[in-house]
Each structure stands twice: as structure tokens, then as C-alpha cells.
Amino acid sequence: MRRDDLAHAVRVVAAGESLLAPAVTTRLISEFTSRPAAGEMRTLDVLTARERQTLYRRFCWSRPG
């Protein structure tokens, strides 16, 4: 890694942003696009409203904004 690249990465992270390697970005996009569309997902229908609420709070609210 070049010194300039490292300095840039440190500045990005220090500013509260995230930095992903191109290979990670490619894998993430591939995984995301291979999933069924939101309208096709019915797996959460088996959960109670309280269970869905708990999942939402755990996985959506805990993400950095």
C-alpha cells in the first residue's frame, strides 16, 4: 500500500466514513443482487409482530447513521 493511499484511508475513517476494498464491494453487490426482491420475501411472515419488531430494532437501529 502506498503512503498516500494509507493517509487517504485514515482520513476517510477518521471522518466517520467507511472504506471498502474493491473486492469487498464486488462481493457485497453480488450478494445483494442475488437475493429475491422485497416483494418476493415471505420468510418473515412466520414471525409474530413482536419478533419482527425485535429483529428490526436489532438490525436496523444498530446501524451507524
C-alpha atoms as a PDB file:
ATOM      1  CA  MET A   1       0.000   0.000   0.000  1.00  0.00           C
ATOM      2  CA  ARG A   2       1.298   3.407  -0.907  1.00  0.00           C
ATOM      3  CA  ARG A   3       1.753   6.047   1.759  1.00  0.00           C
ATOM      4  CA  ASP A   4      -0.793   8.350   0.036  1.00  0.00           C
ATOM      5  CA  ASP A   5      -3.392   5.560  -0.041  1.00  0.00           C
ATOM      6  CA  LEU A   6      -2.908   4.867   3.654  1.00  0.00           C
ATOM      7  CA  ALA A   7      -3.181   8.555   4.543  1.00  0.00           C
ATOM      8  CA  HIS A   8      -6.386   8.834   2.488  1.00  0.00           C
ATOM      9  CA  ALA A   9      -7.862   5.759   4.201  1.00  0.00           C
ATOM     10  CA  VAL A  10      -7.061   7.171   7.643  1.00  0.00           C
ATOM     11  CA  ARG A  11      -8.719  10.497   6.760  1.00  0.00           C
ATOM     12  CA  VAL A  12     -11.837   8.764   5.418  1.00  0.00           C
ATOM     13  CA  VAL A  13     -12.257   6.600   8.519  1.00  0.00           C
ATOM     14  CA  ALA A  14     -11.461   9.488  10.865  1.00  0.00           C
ATOM     15  CA  ALA A  15     -14.261  11.461   9.199  1.00  0.00           C
ATOM     16  CA  GLY A  16     -16.682   8.707  10.191  1.00  0.00           C
ATOM     17  CA  GLU A  17     -16.988   7.194   6.733  1.00  0.00           C
ATOM     18  CA  SER A  18     -16.208   3.643   5.720  1.00  0.00           C
ATOM     19  CA  LEU A  19     -13.763   2.379   3.187  1.00  0.00           C
ATOM     20  CA  LEU A  20     -14.177  -0.927   1.369  1.00  0.00           C
ATOM     21  CA  ALA A  21     -11.727  -2.669  -0.885  1.00  0.00           C
ATOM     22  CA  PRO A  22     -12.992  -3.110  -4.460  1.00  0.00           C
ATOM     23  CA  ALA A  23     -13.129  -6.906  -3.981  1.00  0.00           C
ATOM     24  CA  VAL A  24     -15.338  -6.487  -0.918  1.00  0.00           C
ATOM     25  CA  THR A  25     -17.603  -4.057  -2.758  1.00  0.00           C
ATOM     26  CA  THR A  26     -17.948  -6.525  -5.638  1.00  0.00           C
ATOM     27  CA  ARG A  27     -18.859  -9.379  -3.276  1.00  0.00           C
ATOM     28  CA  LEU A  28     -21.352  -7.179  -1.439  1.00  0.00           C
ATOM     29  CA  ILE A  29     -23.085  -6.104  -4.642  1.00  0.00           C
ATOM     30  CA  SER A  30     -23.144  -9.682  -5.906  1.00  0.00           C
ATOM     31  CA  GLU A  31     -24.711 -10.936  -2.673  1.00  0.00           C
ATOM     32  CA  PHE A  32     -27.263  -8.134  -2.591  1.00  0.00           C
ATOM     33  CA  THR A  33     -28.351  -8.565  -6.204  1.00  0.00           C
ATOM     34  CA  SER A  34     -28.675 -12.339  -5.896  1.00  0.00           C
ATOM     35  CA  ARG A  35     -31.343 -12.031  -3.190  1.00  0.00           C
ATOM     36  CA  PRO A  36     -35.048 -12.049  -4.026  1.00  0.00           C
ATOM     37  CA  ALA A  37     -36.817  -8.714  -4.403  1.00  0.00           C
ATOM     38  CA  ALA A  38     -38.553  -7.327  -1.311  1.00  0.00           C
ATOM     39  CA  GLY A  39     -41.966  -8.310  -2.644  1.00  0.00           C
ATOM     40  CA  GLU A  40     -40.802 -11.897  -3.045  1.00  0.00           C
ATOM     41  CA  MET A  41     -39.591 -12.316   0.523  1.00  0.00           C
ATOM     42  CA  ARG A  42     -42.190 -14.002   2.663  1.00  0.00           C
ATOM     43  CA  THR A  43     -39.965 -15.744   5.194  1.00  0.00           C
ATOM     44  CA  LEU A  44     -40.690 -13.197   7.937  1.00  0.00           C
ATOM     45  CA  ASP A  45     -44.421 -13.862   7.658  1.00  0.00           C
ATOM     46  CA  VAL A  46     -43.997 -16.796  10.041  1.00  0.00           C
ATOM     47  CA  LEU A  47     -42.811 -14.455  12.804  1.00  0.00           C
ATOM     48  CA  THR A  48     -45.077 -12.666  15.220  1.00  0.00           C
ATOM     49  CA  ALA A  49     -45.286  -8.883  15.121  1.00  0.00           C
ATOM     50  CA  ARG A  50     -43.181  -8.731  18.294  1.00  0.00           C
ATOM     51  CA  GLU A  51     -40.484 -10.955  16.760  1.00  0.00           C
ATOM     52  CA  ARG A  52     -40.345  -8.793  13.627  1.00  0.00           C
ATOM     53  CA  GLN A  53     -40.109  -5.672  15.790  1.00  0.00           C
ATOM     54  CA  THR A  54     -37.212  -7.189  17.732  1.00  0.00           C
ATOM     55  CA  LEU A  55     -35.386  -8.063  14.520  1.00  0.00           C
ATOM     56  CA  TYR A  56     -35.963  -4.580  13.143  1.00  0.00           C
ATOM     57  CA  ARG A  57     -34.620  -2.932  16.268  1.00  0.00           C
ATOM     58  CA  ARG A  58     -31.599  -5.215  16.415  1.00  0.00           C
ATOM     59  CA  PHE A  59     -30.563  -4.995  12.775  1.00  0.00           C
ATOM     60  CA  CYS A  60     -31.847  -1.629  11.567  1.00  0.00           C
ATOM     61  CA  TRP A  61     -31.436   0.661  14.534  1.00  0.00           C
ATOM     62  CA  SER A  62     -27.962  -0.581  15.373  1.00  0.00           C
ATOM     63  CA  ARG A  63     -26.558   0.548  12.014  1.00  0.00           C
ATOM     64  CA  PRO A  64     -24.469   3.698  12.125  1.00  0.00           C
ATOM     65  CA  GLY A  65     -26.309   6.620  10.591  1.00  0.00           C
END
